[in-house]
Amino acid sequence: MNLDPRTVRDLALAFQPRAYLRNIPVAHMRTPLGMGFGHSRFSSPGQAFKLLYLARDLATAIAETIVRDRFEGARERVLDEGEIENWAVTEVTATAPLTVLDLRTTGLLRLGVSTDAARGKEHREGQELSENVHYSFAVDGLLYASRLTGADCVAVYDRAVSDKLTSSPAVELVRQADLVPVLRSIGVFVRAKR
């Protein structure tokens, strides 16, 4: 992948998210900014760097981490309450502007990169783009639209997390007062424990 430095410069912007949300497993509540290696949209296949994903709103955070594509073709769109109990949420704010590559609108087109990099189900194109950006440019992360809700999301490279992000203490997702309406907004319901 050969990215034009001038186009990257044009697409780079100062972005300072405030109260963006991150869903994390309850087991990691004590380290709300903790990261591990995984297989995600912009992750490093060779485990060269870690990422922290943030969503603008709770519906998007839940869609991106818990719901994903699991209900495609299903009439019943129900999560068991026990599954919700495995998750916590934290608010993350940037203490200084992040330099992010804006992929929300024409960014991928202008870079000559497949739109699958940020919008497809398969992650290979996004991972290739992310590795190229991480190694070749002084960028803190990637700003993109959720392929599930269309809301803003940001993937922050590990090199910027400790210097530029702060978080609130994580709280169990089941304690969110607006959880049921948020789930309804994405067409999902909760089955109570029996």
Protein backbone atom coordinates (compact mmCIF):
# COMPACT_ATOMS: atom_id res chain seq x y z
CA MET A 1 0.00 0.00 0.00
CA ASN A 2 1.51 3.29 -1.10
CA LEU A 3 -0.11 6.29 0.61
CA ASP A 4 0.55 9.76 -0.74
CA PRO A 5 2.05 11.87 2.11
CA ARG A 6 0.30 15.03 0.87
CA THR A 7 -3.09 13.33 0.96
CA VAL A 8 -2.37 11.96 4.43
CA ARG A 9 -1.44 15.49 5.54
CA ASP A 10 -4.68 16.85 4.09
CA LEU A 11 -6.75 14.20 5.87
CA ALA A 12 -4.98 14.58 9.23
CA LEU A 13 -6.86 16.68 11.74
CA ALA A 14 -6.68 17.65 15.38
CA PHE A 15 -9.46 15.76 17.15
CA GLN A 16 -10.18 15.98 20.87
CA PRO A 17 -12.90 13.49 21.85
CA ARG A 18 -14.77 14.28 25.05
CA ALA A 19 -16.76 11.63 26.93
CA TYR A 20 -16.42 9.04 24.18
CA LEU A 21 -17.39 5.58 25.36
CA ARG A 22 -15.51 2.34 25.59
CA ASN A 23 -17.03 -1.04 26.42
CA ILE A 24 -14.67 -3.39 28.22
CA PRO A 25 -15.08 -6.79 29.85
CA VAL A 26 -15.94 -6.52 33.55
CA ALA A 27 -12.75 -8.44 34.29
CA HIS A 28 -10.77 -5.37 33.10
CA MET A 29 -12.72 -2.67 34.94
CA ARG A 30 -9.71 -1.65 37.03
CA THR A 31 -7.74 -0.77 33.89
CA PRO A 32 -10.19 1.12 31.67
CA LEU A 33 -7.44 2.27 29.30
CA GLY A 34 -5.76 -1.12 29.18
CA MET A 35 -5.17 -2.73 25.81
CA GLY A 36 -4.25 -6.12 24.46
CA PHE A 37 -3.56 -7.63 21.09
CA GLY A 38 -6.57 -8.79 19.17
CA HIS A 39 -8.06 -9.27 15.75
CA SER A 40 -10.04 -6.13 14.99
CA ARG A 41 -10.66 -3.71 12.15
CA PHE A 42 -7.40 -1.76 12.46
CA SER A 43 -5.28 -4.10 14.60
CA SER A 44 -1.75 -5.18 13.74
CA PRO A 45 -1.71 -8.74 12.41
CA GLY A 46 1.90 -9.02 13.59
CA GLN A 47 1.07 -7.58 17.03
CA ALA A 48 3.34 -4.58 16.48
CA PHE A 49 0.99 -2.16 18.26
CA LYS A 50 -2.21 -2.10 20.30
CA LEU A 51 -5.35 -0.04 19.78
CA LEU A 52 -7.99 1.51 21.96
CA TYR A 53 -11.40 1.86 20.27
CA LEU A 54 -13.87 4.58 21.31
CA ALA A 55 -17.43 5.32 20.20
CA ARG A 56 -19.34 8.60 20.26
CA ASP A 57 -22.42 7.09 21.94
CA LEU A 58 -23.50 4.07 23.95
CA ALA A 59 -25.57 2.53 21.14
CA THR A 60 -22.50 2.48 18.90
CA ALA A 61 -20.21 1.17 21.65
CA ILE A 62 -22.63 -1.72 22.25
CA ALA A 63 -23.15 -2.37 18.54
CA GLU A 64 -19.40 -2.43 17.88
CA THR A 65 -18.42 -4.67 20.82
CA ILE A 66 -21.37 -6.86 21.77
CA VAL A 67 -23.94 -7.00 18.98
CA ARG A 68 -21.75 -6.86 15.83
CA ASP A 69 -23.32 -9.06 13.10
CA ARG A 70 -24.77 -11.74 15.33
CA PHE A 71 -28.42 -10.99 14.55
CA GLU A 72 -28.21 -10.88 10.77
CA GLY A 73 -31.19 -12.74 9.37
CA ALA A 74 -32.57 -13.38 12.87
CA ARG A 75 -36.09 -12.43 13.88
CA GLU A 76 -35.34 -12.64 17.57
CA ARG A 77 -32.77 -10.01 18.52
CA VAL A 78 -32.33 -10.74 22.21
CA LEU A 79 -29.32 -10.59 24.50
CA ASP A 80 -29.38 -12.51 27.74
CA GLU A 81 -29.02 -10.29 30.80
CA GLY A 82 -26.13 -12.49 31.93
CA GLU A 83 -24.17 -11.51 28.84
CA ILE A 84 -24.73 -7.79 29.48
CA GLU A 85 -23.43 -8.36 33.02
CA ASN A 86 -20.04 -9.32 31.54
CA TRP A 87 -19.48 -5.79 30.23
CA ALA A 88 -18.58 -2.40 31.69
CA VAL A 89 -18.37 1.06 30.15
CA THR A 90 -16.03 3.98 30.71
CA GLU A 91 -15.96 7.55 29.43
CA VAL A 92 -12.71 8.54 27.74
CA THR A 93 -11.60 12.10 27.06
CA ALA A 94 -8.53 13.41 25.28
CA THR A 95 -6.52 15.82 27.43
CA ALA A 96 -4.84 17.15 24.29
CA PRO A 97 -5.86 16.98 20.64
CA LEU A 98 -5.14 13.71 18.87
CA THR A 99 -3.79 13.83 15.34
CA VAL A 100 -6.11 11.45 13.50
CA LEU A 101 -6.55 10.43 9.90
CA ASP A 102 -10.15 11.24 8.95
CA LEU A 103 -11.68 8.27 7.11
CA ARG A 104 -15.33 9.21 7.67
CA THR A 105 -16.23 10.61 4.27
CA THR A 106 -13.92 10.73 1.24
CA GLY A 107 -10.69 9.84 3.06
CA LEU A 108 -10.41 6.29 1.78
CA LEU A 109 -11.35 7.32 -1.75
CA ARG A 110 -8.73 10.09 -1.74
CA LEU A 111 -6.09 7.69 -0.43
CA GLY A 112 -6.92 5.16 -3.14
CA VAL A 113 -7.80 2.56 -0.50
CA SER A 114 -10.76 0.20 -0.65
CA THR A 115 -13.72 1.43 1.38
CA ASP A 116 -13.73 -2.05 2.92
CA ALA A 117 -10.83 -0.83 5.08
CA ALA A 118 -13.29 1.03 7.31
CA ARG A 119 -16.66 -0.30 6.21
CA GLY A 120 -16.35 -3.99 5.37
CA LYS A 121 -16.90 -6.95 7.65
CA GLU A 122 -13.54 -8.44 6.79
CA HIS A 123 -10.57 -6.78 8.54
CA ARG A 124 -7.60 -7.44 6.25
CA GLU A 125 -7.80 -4.14 4.32
CA GLY A 126 -8.23 -2.06 7.46
CA GLN A 127 -5.32 -3.80 9.16
CA GLU A 128 -3.07 -3.19 6.17
CA LEU A 129 -4.03 0.49 6.09
CA SER A 130 -3.53 0.86 9.84
CA GLU A 131 -0.08 -0.75 9.82
CA ASN A 132 1.00 1.50 6.96
CA VAL A 133 -0.26 4.63 8.73
CA HIS A 134 1.23 3.60 12.08
CA TYR A 135 4.70 2.98 10.68
CA SER A 136 4.88 5.77 8.12
CA PHE A 137 3.17 8.80 9.67
CA ALA A 138 3.08 10.71 12.98
CA VAL A 139 -0.59 9.98 13.55
CA ASP A 140 -2.27 9.10 16.86
CA GLY A 141 -5.19 7.18 15.39
CA LEU A 142 -7.93 6.75 12.83
CA LEU A 143 -11.29 8.55 12.88
CA TYR A 144 -14.01 6.58 11.10
CA ALA A 145 -17.75 6.03 10.94
CA SER A 146 -19.13 2.86 12.51
CA ARG A 147 -20.27 0.55 9.73
CA LEU A 148 -23.10 -0.53 12.09
CA THR A 149 -24.55 2.82 13.22
CA GLY A 150 -22.75 5.47 11.17
CA ALA A 151 -21.67 7.32 14.34
CA ASP A 152 -18.11 8.55 14.85
CA CYS A 153 -15.55 6.15 16.28
CA VAL A 154 -11.83 6.53 16.83
CA ALA A 155 -9.10 3.90 17.03
CA VAL A 156 -6.19 5.31 19.07
CA TYR A 157 -2.71 3.82 18.72
CA ASP A 158 -1.06 2.74 21.96
CA ARG A 159 1.68 5.37 21.54
CA ALA A 160 -0.87 8.13 22.26
CA VAL A 161 -3.02 6.53 24.95
CA SER A 162 -0.98 7.20 28.10
CA ASP A 163 -0.03 10.76 27.10
CA LYS A 164 -3.32 12.02 25.71
CA LEU A 165 -6.25 10.06 27.15
CA THR A 166 -7.93 9.93 30.53
CA SER A 167 -10.92 7.88 31.63
CA SER A 168 -13.61 7.77 34.24
CA PRO A 169 -13.83 4.69 36.46
CA ALA A 170 -15.56 1.89 34.57
CA VAL A 171 -19.15 1.11 35.57
CA GLU A 172 -21.07 -2.09 34.90
CA LEU A 173 -23.09 -1.77 31.71
CA VAL A 174 -26.23 -3.09 33.45
CA ARG A 175 -26.12 -0.01 35.71
CA GLN A 176 -26.57 2.40 32.78
CA ALA A 177 -29.94 4.09 33.32
CA ASP A 178 -30.56 4.40 29.58
CA LEU A 179 -29.46 0.86 28.67
CA VAL A 180 -32.89 -0.47 27.67
CA PRO A 181 -33.81 2.50 25.43
CA VAL A 182 -30.31 2.44 23.89
CA LEU A 183 -30.66 -1.24 23.06
CA ARG A 184 -34.13 -0.63 21.64
CA SER A 185 -32.69 2.09 19.40
CA ILE A 186 -30.59 -0.58 17.66
CA GLY A 187 -33.43 -3.13 17.66
CA VAL A 188 -32.12 -5.32 20.49
CA PHE A 189 -33.91 -6.49 23.63
CA VAL A 190 -32.72 -8.01 26.89
CA ARG A 191 -33.96 -11.32 28.26
CA ALA A 192 -34.05 -11.15 32.06
CA LYS A 193 -32.56 -13.93 34.13
CA ARG A 194 -34.98 -16.51 35.44
